[in-house]
Amino acid sequence: MADLSGNKRTKTRYVSENLGQKEIHGLTAYGMRWTITPLEGVGPYGIPETTTELWKSKEFDLDLLKVTSGPRYGLKRVELSDLQRGDPDPELFEAPQGYKVETIEYRQVTCGQK
């Protein structure tokens, strides 16, 4: 892993853990945790230990919760909320007032055709 200057490589230990399953906002999620630990001196451009925990929905292939912690980031939490199943409101797909929808027809031309 390169340091911030991009000139050196730092030896690190990378550990991943399976956290199993749990329910988040009514969805079944599976979790993983990754911990990256530097094995050499951290120094001014080094990488401090960082842990990321990710909970993902298999049904929707979406990240439901991601928590990253470490001295560089503090605690960063990103969570999907207010997910609603079902068809979206058809009004979302209508052109705004004053816009005209036009249909353009194309014909296929094969190579070498004149």
C-alpha atoms as a PDB file:
ATOM      1  CA  MET A   1       0.000   0.000   0.000  1.00  0.00           C
ATOM      2  CA  ALA A   2       1.447   3.369  -0.993  1.00  0.00           C
ATOM      3  CA  ASP A   3       1.776   6.251   1.439  1.00  0.00           C
ATOM      4  CA  LEU A   4       0.265   9.642   0.619  1.00  0.00           C
ATOM      5  CA  SER A   5       3.384  10.765  -1.251  1.00  0.00           C
ATOM      6  CA  GLY A   6       3.040   7.701  -3.508  1.00  0.00           C
ATOM      7  CA  ASN A   7       6.782   6.955  -3.258  1.00  0.00           C
ATOM      8  CA  LYS A   8       6.969   4.100  -0.754  1.00  0.00           C
ATOM      9  CA  ARG A   9       5.156   0.896   0.009  1.00  0.00           C
ATOM     10  CA  THR A  10       4.122   0.144   3.567  1.00  0.00           C
ATOM     11  CA  LYS A  11       3.834  -3.419   4.843  1.00  0.00           C
ATOM     12  CA  THR A  12       0.345  -3.942   6.195  1.00  0.00           C
ATOM     13  CA  ARG A  13      -1.775  -6.702   7.692  1.00  0.00           C
ATOM     14  CA  TYR A  14      -5.188  -7.089   6.075  1.00  0.00           C
ATOM     15  CA  VAL A  15      -7.815  -9.057   8.028  1.00  0.00           C
ATOM     16  CA  SER A  16     -11.352  -9.775   6.838  1.00  0.00           C
ATOM     17  CA  GLU A  17     -14.118 -11.213   9.012  1.00  0.00           C
ATOM     18  CA  ASN A  18     -17.516 -12.588   8.101  1.00  0.00           C
ATOM     19  CA  LEU A  19     -20.086 -11.015  10.446  1.00  0.00           C
ATOM     20  CA  GLY A  20     -22.975 -13.249   9.401  1.00  0.00           C
ATOM     21  CA  GLN A  21     -26.471 -11.928   8.827  1.00  0.00           C
ATOM     22  CA  LYS A  22     -28.776  -9.476  10.559  1.00  0.00           C
ATOM     23  CA  GLU A  23     -31.878  -7.488   9.738  1.00  0.00           C
ATOM     24  CA  ILE A  24     -31.512  -3.790   8.855  1.00  0.00           C
ATOM     25  CA  HIS A  25     -34.668  -1.767   8.114  1.00  0.00           C
ATOM     26  CA  GLY A  26     -36.625  -4.965   7.435  1.00  0.00           C
ATOM     27  CA  LEU A  27     -34.054  -6.365   4.989  1.00  0.00           C
ATOM     28  CA  THR A  28     -31.741  -9.304   5.519  1.00  0.00           C
ATOM     29  CA  ALA A  29     -28.151  -8.115   5.311  1.00  0.00           C
ATOM     30  CA  TYR A  30     -24.828  -9.936   5.392  1.00  0.00           C
ATOM     31  CA  GLY A  31     -21.825  -8.280   6.948  1.00  0.00           C
ATOM     32  CA  MET A  32     -18.067  -8.161   6.515  1.00  0.00           C
ATOM     33  CA  ARG A  33     -15.392  -6.306   8.477  1.00  0.00           C
ATOM     34  CA  TRP A  34     -11.980  -5.389   7.089  1.00  0.00           C
ATOM     35  CA  THR A  35      -9.120  -4.179   9.267  1.00  0.00           C
ATOM     36  CA  ILE A  36      -5.940  -2.777   7.747  1.00  0.00           C
ATOM     37  CA  THR A  37      -3.023  -2.441  10.176  1.00  0.00           C
ATOM     38  CA  PRO A  38       0.391  -0.986   9.259  1.00  0.00           C
ATOM     39  CA  LEU A  39       3.274  -3.249  10.244  1.00  0.00           C
ATOM     40  CA  GLU A  40       5.913  -0.520   9.931  1.00  0.00           C
ATOM     41  CA  GLY A  41       6.280   2.907  11.522  1.00  0.00           C
ATOM     42  CA  VAL A  42       3.339   5.098  10.682  1.00  0.00           C
ATOM     43  CA  GLY A  43       5.227   8.403  10.360  1.00  0.00           C
ATOM     44  CA  PRO A  44       3.739  11.636   9.024  1.00  0.00           C
ATOM     45  CA  TYR A  45       2.539  10.058   5.760  1.00  0.00           C
ATOM     46  CA  GLY A  46       1.784   6.609   7.082  1.00  0.00           C
ATOM     47  CA  ILE A  47      -1.503   4.836   7.208  1.00  0.00           C
ATOM     48  CA  PRO A  48      -3.026   4.347  10.670  1.00  0.00           C
ATOM     49  CA  GLU A  49      -5.120   1.271  11.436  1.00  0.00           C
ATOM     50  CA  THR A  50      -8.482   1.514   9.702  1.00  0.00           C
ATOM     51  CA  THR A  51     -11.556  -0.670  10.143  1.00  0.00           C
ATOM     52  CA  THR A  52     -14.485  -0.829   7.726  1.00  0.00           C
ATOM     53  CA  GLU A  53     -17.695  -2.726   8.435  1.00  0.00           C
ATOM     54  CA  LEU A  54     -20.114  -3.252   5.537  1.00  0.00           C
ATOM     55  CA  TRP A  55     -23.664  -4.651   5.669  1.00  0.00           C
ATOM     56  CA  LYS A  56     -25.127  -5.446   2.269  1.00  0.00           C
ATOM     57  CA  SER A  57     -28.547  -6.638   1.031  1.00  0.00           C
ATOM     58  CA  LYS A  58     -28.374  -9.660  -1.274  1.00  0.00           C
ATOM     59  CA  GLU A  59     -31.932  -9.028  -2.456  1.00  0.00           C
ATOM     60  CA  PHE A  60     -31.203  -5.541  -3.818  1.00  0.00           C
ATOM     61  CA  ASP A  61     -27.383  -5.712  -4.078  1.00  0.00           C
ATOM     62  CA  LEU A  62     -27.190  -2.481  -2.067  1.00  0.00           C
ATOM     63  CA  ASP A  63     -24.941  -1.333   0.754  1.00  0.00           C
ATOM     64  CA  LEU A  64     -27.317  -0.823   3.695  1.00  0.00           C
ATOM     65  CA  LEU A  65     -24.727   0.280   6.253  1.00  0.00           C
ATOM     66  CA  LYS A  66     -21.024   1.127   6.018  1.00  0.00           C
ATOM     67  CA  VAL A  67     -19.011   2.222   9.044  1.00  0.00           C
ATOM     68  CA  THR A  68     -15.350   3.240   8.728  1.00  0.00           C
ATOM     69  CA  SER A  69     -13.249   4.126  11.757  1.00  0.00           C
ATOM     70  CA  GLY A  70      -9.651   5.096  12.382  1.00  0.00           C
ATOM     71  CA  PRO A  71      -7.551   8.086  13.411  1.00  0.00           C
ATOM     72  CA  ARG A  72      -7.549   9.530   9.903  1.00  0.00           C
ATOM     73  CA  TYR A  73     -11.335   9.421   9.413  1.00  0.00           C
ATOM     74  CA  GLY A  74     -12.728   9.407  12.914  1.00  0.00           C
ATOM     75  CA  LEU A  75     -16.041   7.594  12.652  1.00  0.00           C
ATOM     76  CA  LYS A  76     -17.789   7.743   9.282  1.00  0.00           C
ATOM     77  CA  ARG A  77     -21.237   6.131   8.986  1.00  0.00           C
ATOM     78  CA  VAL A  78     -23.229   5.861   5.756  1.00  0.00           C
ATOM     79  CA  GLU A  79     -26.651   4.240   6.041  1.00  0.00           C
ATOM     80  CA  LEU A  80     -29.404   3.656   3.495  1.00  0.00           C
ATOM     81  CA  SER A  81     -32.794   4.532   4.937  1.00  0.00           C
ATOM     82  CA  ASP A  82     -36.393   4.981   3.799  1.00  0.00           C
ATOM     83  CA  LEU A  83     -36.157   2.237   1.160  1.00  0.00           C
ATOM     84  CA  GLN A  84     -39.638   1.598  -0.201  1.00  0.00           C
ATOM     85  CA  ARG A  85     -40.598  -1.508  -2.131  1.00  0.00           C
ATOM     86  CA  GLY A  86     -42.955  -1.249  -5.074  1.00  0.00           C
ATOM     87  CA  ASP A  87     -43.282   0.680  -8.271  1.00  0.00           C
ATOM     88  CA  PRO A  88     -42.209   4.329  -8.276  1.00  0.00           C
ATOM     89  CA  ASP A  89     -44.735   7.096  -8.802  1.00  0.00           C
ATOM     90  CA  PRO A  90     -45.388   7.359 -12.590  1.00  0.00           C
ATOM     91  CA  GLU A  91     -45.193  11.164 -12.318  1.00  0.00           C
ATOM     92  CA  LEU A  92     -41.433  10.801 -11.810  1.00  0.00           C
ATOM     93  CA  PHE A  93     -41.161   9.693 -15.446  1.00  0.00           C
ATOM     94  CA  GLU A  94     -43.288  12.416 -17.012  1.00  0.00           C
ATOM     95  CA  ALA A  95     -41.677  15.312 -18.875  1.00  0.00           C
ATOM     96  CA  PRO A  96     -41.878  18.639 -17.018  1.00  0.00           C
ATOM     97  CA  GLN A  97     -44.570  21.058 -18.075  1.00  0.00           C
ATOM     98  CA  GLY A  98     -43.546  22.968 -21.208  1.00  0.00           C
ATOM     99  CA  TYR A  99     -41.317  20.182 -22.599  1.00  0.00           C
ATOM    100  CA  LYS A 100     -42.282  18.246 -25.704  1.00  0.00           C
ATOM    101  CA  VAL A 101     -41.512  14.545 -26.060  1.00  0.00           C
ATOM    102  CA  GLU A 102     -40.537  13.560 -29.592  1.00  0.00           C
ATOM    103  CA  THR A 103     -40.033  10.130 -31.079  1.00  0.00           C
ATOM    104  CA  ILE A 104     -37.114   9.724 -33.472  1.00  0.00           C
ATOM    105  CA  GLU A 105     -37.003   6.703 -35.738  1.00  0.00           C
ATOM    106  CA  TYR A 106     -33.702   5.292 -36.936  1.00  0.00           C
ATOM    107  CA  ARG A 107     -33.076   2.787 -39.680  1.00  0.00           C
ATOM    108  CA  GLN A 108     -30.248   0.329 -39.565  1.00  0.00           C
ATOM    109  CA  VAL A 109     -27.618   0.590 -42.271  1.00  0.00           C
ATOM    110  CA  THR A 110     -25.288  -2.346 -42.865  1.00  0.00           C
ATOM    111  CA  CYS A 111     -21.649  -1.877 -43.792  1.00  0.00           C
ATOM    112  CA  GLY A 112     -21.075  -1.457 -47.506  1.00  0.00           C
ATOM    113  CA  GLN A 113     -24.642  -0.333 -48.161  1.00  0.00           C
ATOM    114  CA  LYS A 114     -24.999   2.810 -50.258  1.00  0.00           C
END
